[in-house]
Amino acid sequence: KFESMADFIEMGGHGLYVWLAYGIALAIVVLNLVQ
């Protein structure tokens, strides 16, 4: 549970690492489809 959307994005102070990991994973999946 998160109090607000900002808390969700922040992920308890780990948001940068969480969203970066999601971004890298998404980029790899897209490359695996496009290449």
PDB file of all heavy atoms in Angstrom:
ATOM      1  N   LYS A   1       0.843  -1.184   0.000  1.00  0.00           N
ATOM      2  CA  LYS A   1       0.000   0.000   0.000  1.00  0.00           C
ATOM      3  C   LYS A   1       0.883   1.239   0.000  1.00  0.00           C
ATOM      4  O   LYS A   1       1.886   1.304   0.714  1.00  0.00           O
ATOM      5  CB  LYS A   1      -0.887   0.035   1.239  1.00  0.00           C
ATOM      6  CG  LYS A   1      -2.066  -0.857   1.192  1.00  0.00           C
ATOM      7  CD  LYS A   1      -2.878  -0.637   2.441  1.00  0.00           C
ATOM      8  CE  LYS A   1      -4.309  -0.958   2.232  1.00  0.00           C
ATOM      9  NZ  LYS A   1      -5.090  -0.762   3.454  1.00  0.00           N
ATOM     10  N   PHE A   2       0.480   2.199  -0.795  1.00  0.00           N
ATOM     11  CA  PHE A   2       1.184   3.468  -0.834  1.00  0.00           C
ATOM     12  C   PHE A   2       0.176   4.575  -0.566  1.00  0.00           C
ATOM     13  O   PHE A   2      -0.968   4.500  -0.989  1.00  0.00           O
ATOM     14  CB  PHE A   2       1.852   3.677  -2.194  1.00  0.00           C
ATOM     15  CG  PHE A   2       2.951   2.685  -2.475  1.00  0.00           C
ATOM     16  CD1 PHE A   2       2.716   1.582  -3.284  1.00  0.00           C
ATOM     17  CD2 PHE A   2       4.201   2.843  -1.916  1.00  0.00           C
ATOM     18  CE1 PHE A   2       3.712   0.670  -3.540  1.00  0.00           C
ATOM     19  CE2 PHE A   2       5.215   1.931  -2.163  1.00  0.00           C
ATOM     20  CZ  PHE A   2       4.968   0.839  -2.978  1.00  0.00           C
ATOM     21  N   GLU A   3       0.611   5.591   0.130  1.00  0.00           N
ATOM     22  CA  GLU A   3      -0.252   6.707   0.491  1.00  0.00           C
ATOM     23  C   GLU A   3      -0.610   7.562  -0.726  1.00  0.00           C
ATOM     24  O   GLU A   3      -1.708   8.087  -0.816  1.00  0.00           O
ATOM     25  CB  GLU A   3       0.436   7.590   1.537  1.00  0.00           C
ATOM     26  CG  GLU A   3       0.696   6.883   2.853  1.00  0.00           C
ATOM     27  CD  GLU A   3      -0.582   6.596   3.608  1.00  0.00           C
ATOM     28  OE1 GLU A   3      -1.503   7.427   3.569  1.00  0.00           O
ATOM     29  OE2 GLU A   3      -0.657   5.528   4.239  1.00  0.00           O
ATOM     30  N   SER A   4       0.325   7.701  -1.655  1.00  0.00           N
ATOM     31  CA  SER A   4       0.085   8.546  -2.827  1.00  0.00           C
ATOM     32  C   SER A   4       0.879   8.001  -4.010  1.00  0.00           C
ATOM     33  O   SER A   4       1.701   7.087  -3.864  1.00  0.00           O
ATOM     34  CB  SER A   4       0.515   9.987  -2.542  1.00  0.00           C
ATOM     35  OG  SER A   4       1.914  10.047  -2.376  1.00  0.00           O
ATOM     36  N   MET A   5       0.621   8.584  -5.152  1.00  0.00           N
ATOM     37  CA  MET A   5       1.356   8.184  -6.354  1.00  0.00           C
ATOM     38  C   MET A   5       2.839   8.529  -6.208  1.00  0.00           C
ATOM     39  O   MET A   5       3.695   7.781  -6.678  1.00  0.00           O
ATOM     40  CB  MET A   5       0.758   8.886  -7.572  1.00  0.00           C
ATOM     41  CG  MET A   5       1.292   8.395  -8.867  1.00  0.00           C
ATOM     42  SD  MET A   5       0.829   6.680  -9.078  1.00  0.00           S
ATOM     43  CE  MET A   5       1.165   6.477 -10.782  1.00  0.00           C
ATOM     44  N   ALA A   6       3.143   9.618  -5.534  1.00  0.00           N
ATOM     45  CA  ALA A   6       4.537  10.005  -5.316  1.00  0.00           C
ATOM     46  C   ALA A   6       5.255   8.952  -4.461  1.00  0.00           C
ATOM     47  O   ALA A   6       6.414   8.616  -4.724  1.00  0.00           O
ATOM     48  CB  ALA A   6       4.616  11.374  -4.655  1.00  0.00           C
ATOM     49  N   ASP A   7       4.568   8.419  -3.455  1.00  0.00           N
ATOM     50  CA  ASP A   7       5.156   7.354  -2.637  1.00  0.00           C
ATOM     51  C   ASP A   7       5.396   6.100  -3.472  1.00  0.00           C
ATOM     52  O   ASP A   7       6.388   5.406  -3.291  1.00  0.00           O
ATOM     53  CB  ASP A   7       4.244   7.006  -1.463  1.00  0.00           C
ATOM     54  CG  ASP A   7       4.249   8.054  -0.370  1.00  0.00           C
ATOM     55  OD1 ASP A   7       5.202   8.866  -0.335  1.00  0.00           O
ATOM     56  OD2 ASP A   7       3.308   8.056   0.444  1.00  0.00           O
ATOM     57  N   PHE A   8       4.470   5.812  -4.368  1.00  0.00           N
ATOM     58  CA  PHE A   8       4.627   4.656  -5.242  1.00  0.00           C
ATOM     59  C   PHE A   8       5.856   4.816  -6.132  1.00  0.00           C
ATOM     60  O   PHE A   8       6.655   3.895  -6.266  1.00  0.00           O
ATOM     61  CB  PHE A   8       3.375   4.475  -6.099  1.00  0.00           C
ATOM     62  CG  PHE A   8       3.503   3.392  -7.124  1.00  0.00           C
ATOM     63  CD1 PHE A   8       3.527   2.061  -6.757  1.00  0.00           C
ATOM     64  CD2 PHE A   8       3.595   3.710  -8.470  1.00  0.00           C
ATOM     65  CE1 PHE A   8       3.638   1.062  -7.707  1.00  0.00           C
ATOM     66  CE2 PHE A   8       3.710   2.723  -9.420  1.00  0.00           C
ATOM     67  CZ  PHE A   8       3.726   1.391  -9.039  1.00  0.00           C
ATOM     68  N   ILE A   9       6.016   5.997  -6.716  1.00  0.00           N
ATOM     69  CA  ILE A   9       7.166   6.239  -7.590  1.00  0.00           C
ATOM     70  C   ILE A   9       8.462   6.237  -6.798  1.00  0.00           C
ATOM     71  O   ILE A   9       9.482   5.737  -7.263  1.00  0.00           O
ATOM     72  CB  ILE A   9       6.966   7.555  -8.357  1.00  0.00           C
ATOM     73  CG1 ILE A   9       5.812   7.387  -9.346  1.00  0.00           C
ATOM     74  CG2 ILE A   9       8.228   7.983  -9.078  1.00  0.00           C
ATOM     75  CD1 ILE A   9       5.373   8.655 -10.029  1.00  0.00           C
ATOM     76  N   GLU A  10       8.425   6.760  -5.588  1.00  0.00           N
ATOM     77  CA  GLU A  10       9.622   6.837  -4.746  1.00  0.00           C
ATOM     78  C   GLU A  10      10.032   5.471  -4.206  1.00  0.00           C
ATOM     79  O   GLU A  10      11.206   5.211  -3.962  1.00  0.00           O
ATOM     80  CB  GLU A  10       9.371   7.803  -3.594  1.00  0.00           C
ATOM     81  CG  GLU A  10      10.614   8.109  -2.801  1.00  0.00           C
ATOM     82  CD  GLU A  10      10.320   9.106  -1.704  1.00  0.00           C
ATOM     83  OE1 GLU A  10       9.899  10.229  -2.028  1.00  0.00           O
ATOM     84  OE2 GLU A  10      10.516   8.743  -0.538  1.00  0.00           O
ATOM     85  N   MET A  11       9.061   4.580  -4.009  1.00  0.00           N
ATOM     86  CA  MET A  11       9.302   3.209  -3.528  1.00  0.00           C
ATOM     87  C   MET A  11      10.130   3.180  -2.240  1.00  0.00           C
ATOM     88  O   MET A  11      11.084   2.405  -2.118  1.00  0.00           O
ATOM     89  CB  MET A  11      10.008   2.369  -4.590  1.00  0.00           C
ATOM     90  CG  MET A  11       9.203   2.087  -5.800  1.00  0.00           C
ATOM     91  SD  MET A  11       8.165   0.702  -5.510  1.00  0.00           S
ATOM     92  CE  MET A  11       7.266   0.643  -7.016  1.00  0.00           C
ATOM     93  N   GLY A  12       9.786   4.014  -1.318  1.00  0.00           N
ATOM     94  CA  GLY A  12      10.474   4.013  -0.031  1.00  0.00           C
ATOM     95  C   GLY A  12      11.940   4.396  -0.122  1.00  0.00           C
ATOM     96  O   GLY A  12      12.777   3.898   0.624  1.00  0.00           O
ATOM     97  N   GLY A  13      12.273   5.263  -1.063  1.00  0.00           N
ATOM     98  CA  GLY A  13      13.657   5.708  -1.226  1.00  0.00           C
ATOM     99  C   GLY A  13      14.448   4.870  -2.215  1.00  0.00           C
ATOM    100  O   GLY A  13      15.596   5.179  -2.513  1.00  0.00           O
ATOM    101  N   HIS A  14      13.846   3.819  -2.751  1.00  0.00           N
ATOM    102  CA  HIS A  14      14.539   2.938  -3.689  1.00  0.00           C
ATOM    103  C   HIS A  14      14.007   3.073  -5.109  1.00  0.00           C
ATOM    104  O   HIS A  14      14.316   2.264  -5.979  1.00  0.00           O
ATOM    105  CB  HIS A  14      14.384   1.479  -3.249  1.00  0.00           C
ATOM    106  CG  HIS A  14      14.937   1.205  -1.892  1.00  0.00           C
ATOM    107  ND1 HIS A  14      16.281   1.163  -1.640  1.00  0.00           N
ATOM    108  CD2 HIS A  14      14.311   0.981  -0.710  1.00  0.00           C
ATOM    109  CE1 HIS A  14      16.470   0.914  -0.357  1.00  0.00           C
ATOM    110  NE2 HIS A  14      15.285   0.807   0.239  1.00  0.00           N
ATOM    111  N   GLY A  15      13.217   4.096  -5.349  1.00  0.00           N
ATOM    112  CA  GLY A  15      12.560   4.276  -6.641  1.00  0.00           C
ATOM    113  C   GLY A  15      13.515   4.336  -7.809  1.00  0.00           C
ATOM    114  O   GLY A  15      13.262   3.740  -8.853  1.00  0.00           O
ATOM    115  N   LEU A  16      14.619   5.051  -7.656  1.00  0.00           N
ATOM    116  CA  LEU A  16      15.580   5.166  -8.754  1.00  0.00           C
ATOM    117  C   LEU A  16      16.055   3.787  -9.187  1.00  0.00           C
ATOM    118  O   LEU A  16      16.069   3.479 -10.388  1.00  0.00           O
ATOM    119  CB  LEU A  16      16.773   6.024  -8.331  1.00  0.00           C
ATOM    120  CG  LEU A  16      17.909   6.113  -9.356  1.00  0.00           C
ATOM    121  CD1 LEU A  16      17.440   6.834 -10.613  1.00  0.00           C
ATOM    122  CD2 LEU A  16      19.106   6.801  -8.750  1.00  0.00           C
ATOM    123  N   TYR A  17      16.410   2.954  -8.260  1.00  0.00           N
ATOM    124  CA  TYR A  17      16.943   1.632  -8.582  1.00  0.00           C
ATOM    125  C   TYR A  17      15.853   0.716  -9.132  1.00  0.00           C
ATOM    126  O   TYR A  17      16.079  -0.035 -10.082  1.00  0.00           O
ATOM    127  CB  TYR A  17      17.587   1.009  -7.350  1.00  0.00           C
ATOM    128  CG  TYR A  17      18.612   1.923  -6.727  1.00  0.00           C
ATOM    129  CD1 TYR A  17      18.369   2.556  -5.522  1.00  0.00           C
ATOM    130  CD2 TYR A  17      19.811   2.184  -7.380  1.00  0.00           C
ATOM    131  CE1 TYR A  17      19.296   3.416  -4.961  1.00  0.00           C
ATOM    132  CE2 TYR A  17      20.739   3.042  -6.832  1.00  0.00           C
ATOM    133  CZ  TYR A  17      20.484   3.655  -5.623  1.00  0.00           C
ATOM    134  OH  TYR A  17      21.396   4.498  -5.092  1.00  0.00           O
ATOM    135  N   VAL A  18      14.662   0.796  -8.557  1.00  0.00           N
ATOM    136  CA  VAL A  18      13.551  -0.043  -9.005  1.00  0.00           C
ATOM    137  C   VAL A  18      13.172   0.313 -10.432  1.00  0.00           C
ATOM    138  O   VAL A  18      13.086  -0.558 -11.305  1.00  0.00           O
ATOM    139  CB  VAL A  18      12.337   0.111  -8.062  1.00  0.00           C
ATOM    140  CG1 VAL A  18      11.112  -0.571  -8.638  1.00  0.00           C
ATOM    141  CG2 VAL A  18      12.651  -0.434  -6.686  1.00  0.00           C
ATOM    142  N   TRP A  19      12.948   1.596 -10.714  1.00  0.00           N
ATOM    143  CA  TRP A  19      12.508   2.011 -12.039  1.00  0.00           C
ATOM    144  C   TRP A  19      13.615   1.864 -13.065  1.00  0.00           C
ATOM    145  O   TRP A  19      13.350   1.561 -14.230  1.00  0.00           O
ATOM    146  CB  TRP A  19      11.950   3.423 -11.994  1.00  0.00           C
ATOM    147  CG  TRP A  19      10.722   3.480 -11.145  1.00  0.00           C
ATOM    148  CD1 TRP A  19      10.563   4.147  -9.967  1.00  0.00           C
ATOM    149  CD2 TRP A  19       9.487   2.784 -11.364  1.00  0.00           C
ATOM    150  NE1 TRP A  19       9.318   3.921  -9.450  1.00  0.00           N
ATOM    151  CE2 TRP A  19       8.624   3.089 -10.288  1.00  0.00           C
ATOM    152  CE3 TRP A  19       9.023   1.931 -12.366  1.00  0.00           C
ATOM    153  CZ2 TRP A  19       7.341   2.577 -10.201  1.00  0.00           C
ATOM    154  CZ3 TRP A  19       7.736   1.423 -12.268  1.00  0.00           C
ATOM    155  CH2 TRP A  19       6.916   1.746 -11.197  1.00  0.00           C
ATOM    156  N   LEU A  20      14.867   2.026 -12.639  1.00  0.00           N
ATOM    157  CA  LEU A  20      15.984   1.787 -13.550  1.00  0.00           C
ATOM    158  C   LEU A  20      16.043   0.311 -13.942  1.00  0.00           C
ATOM    159  O   LEU A  20      16.251  -0.021 -15.115  1.00  0.00           O
ATOM    160  CB  LEU A  20      17.300   2.223 -12.896  1.00  0.00           C
ATOM    161  CG  LEU A  20      18.542   2.211 -13.769  1.00  0.00           C
ATOM    162  CD1 LEU A  20      18.371   3.132 -14.968  1.00  0.00           C
ATOM    163  CD2 LEU A  20      19.748   2.636 -12.950  1.00  0.00           C
ATOM    164  N   ALA A  21      15.828  -0.568 -12.985  1.00  0.00           N
ATOM    165  CA  ALA A  21      15.816  -2.009 -13.279  1.00  0.00           C
ATOM    166  C   ALA A  21      14.673  -2.357 -14.231  1.00  0.00           C
ATOM    167  O   ALA A  21      14.855  -3.133 -15.180  1.00  0.00           O
ATOM    168  CB  ALA A  21      15.699  -2.809 -11.990  1.00  0.00           C
ATOM    169  N   TYR A  22      13.487  -1.781 -13.991  1.00  0.00           N
ATOM    170  CA  TYR A  22      12.361  -2.009 -14.901  1.00  0.00           C
ATOM    171  C   TYR A  22      12.680  -1.475 -16.297  1.00  0.00           C
ATOM    172  O   TYR A  22      12.366  -2.114 -17.301  1.00  0.00           O
ATOM    173  CB  TYR A  22      11.089  -1.350 -14.379  1.00  0.00           C
ATOM    174  CG  TYR A  22      10.323  -2.201 -13.410  1.00  0.00           C
ATOM    175  CD1 TYR A  22      10.144  -1.782 -12.098  1.00  0.00           C
ATOM    176  CD2 TYR A  22       9.765  -3.411 -13.791  1.00  0.00           C
ATOM    177  CE1 TYR A  22       9.422  -2.551 -11.196  1.00  0.00           C
ATOM    178  CE2 TYR A  22       9.038  -4.186 -12.900  1.00  0.00           C
ATOM    179  CZ  TYR A  22       8.882  -3.749 -11.606  1.00  0.00           C
ATOM    180  OH  TYR A  22       8.169  -4.508 -10.722  1.00  0.00           O
ATOM    181  N   GLY A  23      13.293  -0.319 -16.373  1.00  0.00           N
ATOM    182  CA  GLY A  23      13.635   0.272 -17.669  1.00  0.00           C
ATOM    183  C   GLY A  23      14.633  -0.567 -18.439  1.00  0.00           C
ATOM    184  O   GLY A  23      14.478  -0.781 -19.647  1.00  0.00           O
ATOM    185  N   ILE A  24      15.657  -1.046 -17.750  1.00  0.00           N
ATOM    186  CA  ILE A  24      16.660  -1.883 -18.402  1.00  0.00           C
ATOM    187  C   ILE A  24      16.036  -3.195 -18.875  1.00  0.00           C
ATOM    188  O   ILE A  24      16.296  -3.651 -19.999  1.00  0.00           O
ATOM    189  CB  ILE A  24      17.851  -2.135 -17.459  1.00  0.00           C
ATOM    190  CG1 ILE A  24      18.637  -0.835 -17.264  1.00  0.00           C
ATOM    191  CG2 ILE A  24      18.757  -3.236 -17.991  1.00  0.00           C
ATOM    192  CD1 ILE A  24      19.682  -0.892 -16.174  1.00  0.00           C
ATOM    193  N   ALA A  25      15.206  -3.792 -18.041  1.00  0.00           N
ATOM    194  CA  ALA A  25      14.539  -5.041 -18.424  1.00  0.00           C
ATOM    195  C   ALA A  25      13.633  -4.817 -19.638  1.00  0.00           C
ATOM    196  O   ALA A  25      13.618  -5.640 -20.566  1.00  0.00           O
ATOM    197  CB  ALA A  25      13.734  -5.588 -17.252  1.00  0.00           C
ATOM    198  N   LEU A  26      12.904  -3.722 -19.651  1.00  0.00           N
ATOM    199  CA  LEU A  26      12.035  -3.417 -20.783  1.00  0.00           C
ATOM    200  C   LEU A  26      12.855  -3.207 -22.055  1.00  0.00           C
ATOM    201  O   LEU A  26      12.476  -3.686 -23.130  1.00  0.00           O
ATOM    202  CB  LEU A  26      11.184  -2.184 -20.486  1.00  0.00           C
ATOM    203  CG  LEU A  26      10.237  -1.754 -21.601  1.00  0.00           C
ATOM    204  CD1 LEU A  26       9.200  -2.838 -21.873  1.00  0.00           C
ATOM    205  CD2 LEU A  26       9.566  -0.444 -21.233  1.00  0.00           C
ATOM    206  N   ALA A  27      13.970  -2.508 -21.940  1.00  0.00           N
ATOM    207  CA  ALA A  27      14.835  -2.279 -23.102  1.00  0.00           C
ATOM    208  C   ALA A  27      15.351  -3.601 -23.664  1.00  0.00           C
ATOM    209  O   ALA A  27      15.392  -3.794 -24.887  1.00  0.00           O
ATOM    210  CB  ALA A  27      16.001  -1.368 -22.725  1.00  0.00           C
ATOM    211  N   ILE A  28      15.730  -4.528 -22.794  1.00  0.00           N
ATOM    212  CA  ILE A  28      16.226  -5.823 -23.241  1.00  0.00           C
ATOM    213  C   ILE A  28      15.129  -6.611 -23.941  1.00  0.00           C
ATOM    214  O   ILE A  28      15.356  -7.227 -24.991  1.00  0.00           O
ATOM    215  CB  ILE A  28      16.825  -6.604 -22.056  1.00  0.00           C
ATOM    216  CG1 ILE A  28      18.124  -5.936 -21.603  1.00  0.00           C
ATOM    217  CG2 ILE A  28      17.064  -8.069 -22.419  1.00  0.00           C
ATOM    218  CD1 ILE A  28      18.677  -6.466 -20.303  1.00  0.00           C
ATOM    219  N   VAL A  29      13.923  -6.595 -23.387  1.00  0.00           N
ATOM    220  CA  VAL A  29      12.803  -7.300 -24.011  1.00  0.00           C
ATOM    221  C   VAL A  29      12.508  -6.710 -25.392  1.00  0.00           C
ATOM    222  O   VAL A  29      12.324  -7.451 -26.365  1.00  0.00           O
ATOM    223  CB  VAL A  29      11.552  -7.257 -23.104  1.00  0.00           C
ATOM    224  CG1 VAL A  29      10.314  -7.732 -23.845  1.00  0.00           C
ATOM    225  CG2 VAL A  29      11.781  -8.100 -21.866  1.00  0.00           C
ATOM    226  N   VAL A  30      12.485  -5.392 -25.489  1.00  0.00           N
ATOM    227  CA  VAL A  30      12.219  -4.748 -26.784  1.00  0.00           C
ATOM    228  C   VAL A  30      13.300  -5.114 -27.785  1.00  0.00           C
ATOM    229  O   VAL A  30      13.000  -5.443 -28.940  1.00  0.00           O
ATOM    230  CB  VAL A  30      12.094  -3.218 -26.612  1.00  0.00           C
ATOM    231  CG1 VAL A  30      12.108  -2.502 -27.951  1.00  0.00           C
ATOM    232  CG2 VAL A  30      10.824  -2.889 -25.852  1.00  0.00           C
ATOM    233  N   LEU A  31      14.559  -5.079 -27.374  1.00  0.00           N
ATOM    234  CA  LEU A  31      15.642  -5.461 -28.288  1.00  0.00           C
ATOM    235  C   LEU A  31      15.517  -6.917 -28.720  1.00  0.00           C
ATOM    236  O   LEU A  31      15.783  -7.248 -29.878  1.00  0.00           O
ATOM    237  CB  LEU A  31      17.001  -5.218 -27.628  1.00  0.00           C
ATOM    238  CG  LEU A  31      17.430  -3.770 -27.528  1.00  0.00           C
ATOM    239  CD1 LEU A  31      18.721  -3.647 -26.722  1.00  0.00           C
ATOM    240  CD2 LEU A  31      17.615  -3.167 -28.905  1.00  0.00           C
ATOM    241  N   ASN A  32      15.119  -7.790 -27.804  1.00  0.00           N
ATOM    242  CA  ASN A  32      14.941  -9.197 -28.148  1.00  0.00           C
ATOM    243  C   ASN A  32      13.799  -9.409 -29.129  1.00  0.00           C
ATOM    244  O   ASN A  32      13.767 -10.421 -29.837  1.00  0.00           O
ATOM    245  CB  ASN A  32      14.711 -10.040 -26.894  1.00  0.00           C
ATOM    246  CG  ASN A  32      15.996 -10.351 -26.168  1.00  0.00           C
ATOM    247  OD1 ASN A  32      17.050 -10.428 -26.772  1.00  0.00           O
ATOM    248  ND2 ASN A  32      15.903 -10.518 -24.869  1.00  0.00           N
ATOM    249  N   LEU A  33      12.855  -8.504 -29.180  1.00  0.00           N
ATOM    250  CA  LEU A  33      11.764  -8.597 -30.138  1.00  0.00           C
ATOM    251  C   LEU A  33      12.121  -7.948 -31.477  1.00  0.00           C
ATOM    252  O   LEU A  33      11.771  -8.458 -32.533  1.00  0.00           O
ATOM    253  CB  LEU A  33      10.502  -7.944 -29.573  1.00  0.00           C
ATOM    254  CG  LEU A  33       9.868  -8.639 -28.371  1.00  0.00           C
ATOM    255  CD1 LEU A  33       8.747  -7.791 -27.811  1.00  0.00           C
ATOM    256  CD2 LEU A  33       9.368 -10.014 -28.753  1.00  0.00           C
ATOM    257  N   VAL A  34      12.815  -6.826 -31.432  1.00  0.00           N
ATOM    258  CA  VAL A  34      13.090  -6.042 -32.635  1.00  0.00           C
ATOM    259  C   VAL A  34      14.256  -6.613 -33.442  1.00  0.00           C
ATOM    260  O   VAL A  34      14.192  -6.672 -34.678  1.00  0.00           O
ATOM    261  CB  VAL A  34      13.352  -4.568 -32.263  1.00  0.00           C
ATOM    262  CG1 VAL A  34      13.882  -3.771 -33.433  1.00  0.00           C
ATOM    263  CG2 VAL A  34      12.083  -3.942 -31.716  1.00  0.00           C
ATOM    264  N   GLN A  35      15.296  -7.041 -32.796  1.00  0.00           N
ATOM    265  CA  GLN A  35      16.503  -7.480 -33.492  1.00  0.00           C
ATOM    266  C   GLN A  35      16.247  -8.643 -34.455  1.00  0.00           C
ATOM    267  O   GLN A  35      16.695  -8.584 -35.601  1.00  0.00           O
ATOM    268  CB  GLN A  35      17.604  -7.841 -32.477  1.00  0.00           C
ATOM    269  CG  GLN A  35      18.942  -8.106 -33.100  1.00  0.00           C
ATOM    270  CD  GLN A  35      19.536  -6.892 -33.792  1.00  0.00           C
ATOM    271  OE1 GLN A  35      19.197  -5.750 -33.506  1.00  0.00           O
ATOM    272  NE2 GLN A  35      20.409  -7.133 -34.730  1.00  0.00           N
TER     273      GLN A  35
END
